[in-house]
N, C-alpha and C. Protein backbone atom coordinates (compact mmCIF):
# COMPACT_ATOMS: atom_id res chain seq x y z
N MET A 1 124.86 -37.89 -50.02
CA MET A 1 124.61 -37.31 -51.31
C MET A 1 124.55 -35.78 -51.21
N ASN A 2 123.92 -35.25 -50.18
CA ASN A 2 123.80 -33.81 -50.01
C ASN A 2 125.17 -33.15 -49.79
N THR A 3 126.07 -33.84 -49.14
CA THR A 3 127.41 -33.31 -48.90
C THR A 3 128.16 -33.16 -50.22
N LYS A 4 128.05 -34.13 -51.10
CA LYS A 4 128.70 -34.05 -52.40
C LYS A 4 128.13 -32.91 -53.23
N PHE A 5 126.82 -32.74 -53.19
CA PHE A 5 126.17 -31.67 -53.93
C PHE A 5 126.62 -30.31 -53.40
N ALA A 6 126.67 -30.16 -52.10
CA ALA A 6 127.08 -28.90 -51.49
C ALA A 6 128.54 -28.58 -51.83
N ALA A 7 129.39 -29.58 -51.83
CA ALA A 7 130.79 -29.38 -52.17
C ALA A 7 130.93 -28.97 -53.64
N ALA A 8 130.17 -29.59 -54.51
CA ALA A 8 130.21 -29.23 -55.93
C ALA A 8 129.70 -27.82 -56.16
N ALA A 9 128.63 -27.45 -55.47
CA ALA A 9 128.08 -26.10 -55.61
C ALA A 9 129.05 -25.05 -55.10
N LEU A 10 129.72 -25.35 -54.01
CA LEU A 10 130.71 -24.42 -53.45
C LEU A 10 131.90 -24.26 -54.40
N ALA A 11 132.35 -25.35 -54.97
CA ALA A 11 133.46 -25.30 -55.92
C ALA A 11 133.08 -24.49 -57.15
N GLY A 12 131.86 -24.69 -57.63
CA GLY A 12 131.39 -23.93 -58.79
C GLY A 12 131.28 -22.45 -58.50
N ALA A 13 130.79 -22.10 -57.32
CA ALA A 13 130.67 -20.70 -56.93
C ALA A 13 132.05 -20.05 -56.81
N PHE A 14 132.99 -20.78 -56.27
CA PHE A 14 134.36 -20.28 -56.14
C PHE A 14 134.98 -20.03 -57.51
N ALA A 15 134.79 -20.97 -58.43
CA ALA A 15 135.35 -20.83 -59.78
C ALA A 15 134.73 -19.62 -60.49
N ALA A 16 133.43 -19.44 -60.34
CA ALA A 16 132.77 -18.30 -60.97
C ALA A 16 133.27 -16.98 -60.39
N ALA A 17 133.42 -16.93 -59.07
CA ALA A 17 133.91 -15.71 -58.43
C ALA A 17 135.34 -15.40 -58.87
N LEU A 18 136.16 -16.40 -59.00
CA LEU A 18 137.53 -16.21 -59.44
C LEU A 18 137.58 -15.66 -60.87
N THR A 19 136.73 -16.18 -61.74
CA THR A 19 136.66 -15.70 -63.12
C THR A 19 136.22 -14.25 -63.15
N LEU A 20 135.21 -13.90 -62.41
CA LEU A 20 134.70 -12.52 -62.39
C LEU A 20 135.72 -11.56 -61.77
N ALA A 21 136.48 -12.03 -60.81
CA ALA A 21 137.47 -11.17 -60.16
C ALA A 21 138.61 -10.80 -61.09
N THR A 22 138.98 -11.68 -62.01
CA THR A 22 140.10 -11.38 -62.89
C THR A 22 139.67 -10.62 -64.15
N ALA A 23 138.45 -10.78 -64.62
CA ALA A 23 138.00 -10.13 -65.85
C ALA A 23 138.02 -8.60 -65.77
N PRO A 24 137.51 -7.97 -64.72
CA PRO A 24 137.51 -6.51 -64.71
C PRO A 24 138.90 -5.89 -64.77
N ALA A 25 139.90 -6.52 -64.18
CA ALA A 25 141.24 -5.97 -64.21
C ALA A 25 141.77 -5.92 -65.63
N THR A 26 141.56 -6.96 -66.39
CA THR A 26 142.00 -7.00 -67.77
C THR A 26 141.28 -5.94 -68.59
N ALA A 27 139.97 -5.87 -68.46
CA ALA A 27 139.19 -4.88 -69.20
C ALA A 27 139.62 -3.47 -68.81
N GLN A 28 139.88 -3.25 -67.53
CA GLN A 28 140.30 -1.93 -67.07
C GLN A 28 141.65 -1.56 -67.68
N GLN A 29 142.59 -2.49 -67.72
CA GLN A 29 143.90 -2.21 -68.33
C GLN A 29 143.74 -1.86 -69.79
N GLN A 30 142.90 -2.58 -70.51
CA GLN A 30 142.72 -2.35 -71.94
C GLN A 30 142.08 -1.00 -72.18
N GLN A 31 141.11 -0.62 -71.37
CA GLN A 31 140.41 0.64 -71.54
C GLN A 31 141.24 1.83 -71.09
N SER A 32 142.14 1.63 -70.15
CA SER A 32 142.91 2.75 -69.62
C SER A 32 144.09 3.11 -70.51
N GLY A 33 144.32 2.34 -71.57
CA GLY A 33 145.40 2.67 -72.47
C GLY A 33 146.74 2.11 -72.07
N GLU A 34 146.78 1.21 -71.09
CA GLU A 34 148.05 0.61 -70.67
C GLU A 34 148.49 -0.49 -71.62
N ARG A 35 147.57 -0.97 -72.47
CA ARG A 35 147.88 -2.07 -73.37
C ARG A 35 147.39 -1.70 -74.77
N GLU A 36 147.99 -2.33 -75.77
CA GLU A 36 147.58 -2.08 -77.14
C GLU A 36 147.56 -3.40 -77.91
N ARG A 37 146.81 -3.40 -79.00
CA ARG A 37 146.74 -4.58 -79.86
C ARG A 37 148.00 -4.63 -80.71
N CYS A 38 148.62 -5.81 -80.75
CA CYS A 38 149.84 -6.00 -81.54
C CYS A 38 149.63 -7.20 -82.46
N TYR A 39 149.68 -6.93 -83.76
CA TYR A 39 149.45 -7.98 -84.77
C TYR A 39 150.76 -8.69 -85.12
N GLY A 40 150.63 -9.99 -85.37
CA GLY A 40 151.76 -10.77 -85.87
C GLY A 40 152.75 -11.24 -84.83
N VAL A 41 152.40 -11.20 -83.54
CA VAL A 41 153.35 -11.61 -82.51
C VAL A 41 152.90 -12.82 -81.69
N SER A 42 151.64 -13.25 -81.87
CA SER A 42 151.15 -14.35 -81.04
C SER A 42 151.49 -15.71 -81.65
N LEU A 43 151.61 -16.68 -80.79
CA LEU A 43 151.82 -18.06 -81.23
C LEU A 43 150.47 -18.67 -81.59
N ALA A 44 150.48 -19.74 -82.35
CA ALA A 44 149.24 -20.40 -82.76
C ALA A 44 148.39 -20.74 -81.54
N GLY A 45 147.14 -20.35 -81.59
CA GLY A 45 146.21 -20.62 -80.50
C GLY A 45 146.38 -19.74 -79.28
N LYS A 46 147.24 -18.74 -79.33
CA LYS A 46 147.50 -17.89 -78.17
C LYS A 46 147.11 -16.43 -78.42
N ASN A 47 146.39 -16.16 -79.53
CA ASN A 47 145.97 -14.79 -79.82
C ASN A 47 144.84 -14.35 -78.89
N ASP A 48 144.69 -13.06 -78.73
CA ASP A 48 143.62 -12.54 -77.90
C ASP A 48 142.31 -12.41 -78.68
N CYS A 49 142.38 -12.11 -79.97
CA CYS A 49 141.18 -12.06 -80.79
C CYS A 49 141.53 -11.76 -82.23
N ALA A 50 140.51 -11.64 -83.08
CA ALA A 50 140.64 -11.28 -84.50
C ALA A 50 141.68 -12.10 -85.24
N ALA A 51 141.38 -13.35 -85.48
CA ALA A 51 142.31 -14.20 -86.21
C ALA A 51 141.88 -14.42 -87.66
N GLY A 52 141.03 -13.58 -88.18
CA GLY A 52 140.67 -13.62 -89.59
C GLY A 52 139.58 -14.61 -89.93
N PRO A 53 139.35 -14.77 -91.24
CA PRO A 53 138.28 -15.65 -91.71
C PRO A 53 138.47 -17.08 -91.22
N GLY A 54 137.36 -17.69 -90.83
CA GLY A 54 137.39 -19.08 -90.39
C GLY A 54 137.71 -19.25 -88.92
N THR A 55 137.90 -18.15 -88.19
CA THR A 55 138.17 -18.22 -86.77
C THR A 55 137.14 -17.39 -86.02
N THR A 56 137.00 -17.62 -84.75
CA THR A 56 135.99 -16.91 -83.98
C THR A 56 136.61 -15.80 -83.15
N CYS A 57 137.56 -16.11 -82.31
CA CYS A 57 138.15 -15.07 -81.48
C CYS A 57 139.38 -15.61 -80.77
N ALA A 58 139.48 -15.36 -79.48
CA ALA A 58 140.67 -15.71 -78.72
C ALA A 58 141.05 -17.18 -78.85
N GLY A 59 142.34 -17.42 -79.07
CA GLY A 59 142.86 -18.78 -79.13
C GLY A 59 142.57 -19.51 -80.42
N THR A 60 142.21 -18.80 -81.48
CA THR A 60 141.81 -19.49 -82.70
C THR A 60 142.78 -19.29 -83.87
N SER A 61 143.90 -18.63 -83.64
CA SER A 61 144.86 -18.49 -84.75
C SER A 61 145.45 -19.86 -85.07
N LYS A 62 145.76 -20.05 -86.32
CA LYS A 62 146.18 -21.38 -86.80
C LYS A 62 147.69 -21.55 -86.90
N VAL A 63 148.43 -20.46 -87.05
CA VAL A 63 149.89 -20.53 -87.20
C VAL A 63 150.56 -19.51 -86.30
N ASP A 64 151.82 -19.74 -86.00
CA ASP A 64 152.59 -18.77 -85.22
C ASP A 64 152.75 -17.48 -86.01
N TYR A 65 152.64 -16.36 -85.32
CA TYR A 65 152.87 -15.02 -85.88
C TYR A 65 151.92 -14.69 -87.02
N GLN A 66 150.69 -15.17 -86.95
CA GLN A 66 149.68 -14.90 -87.98
C GLN A 66 149.43 -13.40 -88.05
N GLY A 67 149.52 -12.82 -89.22
CA GLY A 67 149.47 -11.37 -89.42
C GLY A 67 148.15 -10.71 -89.11
N ASN A 68 147.06 -11.47 -89.14
CA ASN A 68 145.76 -10.87 -88.85
C ASN A 68 145.24 -11.25 -87.46
N ALA A 69 146.10 -11.81 -86.63
CA ALA A 69 145.74 -12.16 -85.25
C ALA A 69 146.51 -11.23 -84.33
N TRP A 70 145.84 -10.71 -83.30
CA TRP A 70 146.53 -9.80 -82.40
C TRP A 70 146.54 -10.30 -80.97
N LYS A 71 147.44 -9.69 -80.21
CA LYS A 71 147.62 -10.01 -78.79
C LYS A 71 147.78 -8.67 -78.07
N TYR A 72 147.20 -8.55 -76.88
CA TYR A 72 147.42 -7.33 -76.08
C TYR A 72 148.83 -7.36 -75.51
N VAL A 73 149.55 -6.26 -75.66
CA VAL A 73 150.90 -6.12 -75.14
C VAL A 73 151.00 -4.78 -74.43
N PRO A 74 151.99 -4.58 -73.56
CA PRO A 74 152.15 -3.29 -72.90
C PRO A 74 152.32 -2.18 -73.94
N LYS A 75 151.65 -1.07 -73.71
CA LYS A 75 151.68 0.05 -74.66
C LYS A 75 153.12 0.48 -74.93
N GLY A 76 153.42 0.69 -76.22
CA GLY A 76 154.73 1.14 -76.63
C GLY A 76 155.73 0.04 -76.93
N THR A 77 155.34 -1.22 -76.75
CA THR A 77 156.29 -2.32 -76.97
C THR A 77 156.07 -3.07 -78.27
N CYS A 78 154.92 -2.91 -78.89
CA CYS A 78 154.57 -3.73 -80.06
C CYS A 78 155.59 -3.63 -81.19
N VAL A 79 155.89 -2.43 -81.64
CA VAL A 79 156.74 -2.28 -82.82
C VAL A 79 158.20 -2.61 -82.54
N THR A 80 158.54 -2.83 -81.26
CA THR A 80 159.91 -3.22 -80.93
C THR A 80 160.07 -4.74 -80.83
N MET A 81 158.94 -5.46 -80.83
CA MET A 81 158.98 -6.93 -80.74
C MET A 81 159.44 -7.52 -82.08
N THR A 82 160.35 -8.47 -82.00
CA THR A 82 160.85 -9.12 -83.20
C THR A 82 160.49 -10.60 -83.17
N THR A 83 159.97 -11.09 -84.28
CA THR A 83 159.62 -12.50 -84.43
C THR A 83 160.39 -13.05 -85.62
N PRO A 84 160.36 -14.34 -85.85
CA PRO A 84 161.01 -14.91 -87.04
C PRO A 84 160.43 -14.35 -88.35
N LYS A 85 159.21 -13.78 -88.28
CA LYS A 85 158.58 -13.23 -89.48
C LYS A 85 158.70 -11.70 -89.56
N GLY A 86 159.39 -11.09 -88.63
CA GLY A 86 159.54 -9.63 -88.64
C GLY A 86 159.06 -9.00 -87.35
N LYS A 87 158.81 -7.71 -87.39
CA LYS A 87 158.39 -6.97 -86.20
C LYS A 87 156.88 -7.00 -86.02
N GLY A 88 156.45 -6.73 -84.79
CA GLY A 88 155.04 -6.59 -84.50
C GLY A 88 154.50 -5.34 -85.16
N SER A 89 153.18 -5.28 -85.34
CA SER A 89 152.56 -4.15 -86.02
C SER A 89 151.29 -3.72 -85.28
N LEU A 90 151.03 -2.42 -85.29
CA LEU A 90 149.81 -1.90 -84.67
C LEU A 90 148.61 -2.06 -85.59
N THR A 91 148.85 -2.46 -86.82
CA THR A 91 147.77 -2.72 -87.78
C THR A 91 147.94 -4.14 -88.34
N GLU A 92 146.88 -4.67 -88.88
CA GLU A 92 146.91 -6.02 -89.45
C GLU A 92 148.02 -6.13 -90.51
N ILE A 93 148.73 -7.22 -90.46
CA ILE A 93 149.79 -7.48 -91.42
C ILE A 93 149.21 -8.30 -92.57
N LYS A 94 149.19 -7.75 -93.76
CA LYS A 94 148.66 -8.45 -94.93
C LYS A 94 149.69 -9.42 -95.46
N SER A 95 149.26 -10.62 -95.81
CA SER A 95 150.19 -11.62 -96.33
C SER A 95 150.44 -11.44 -97.80
């Protein structure tokens, strides 16, 4: 029984360390200006945040290319992205 507990604890610690190791890199990229918010380019459930009323945050957009949901993209690429609903926008797209 102790071996199973130790294995589970080790697996949990590894998973937590992996999560913490990847989070600072993403935050650093966002703060350093290498990425920008691009509205209207994410697929349903694939947004990074701000999906409007009735949603909480990341992964909560309900439709593809939702105008009030954004995704982080490399800086300078947002307005060149083309979707079936038009180009990406640096500001919320009003329906």
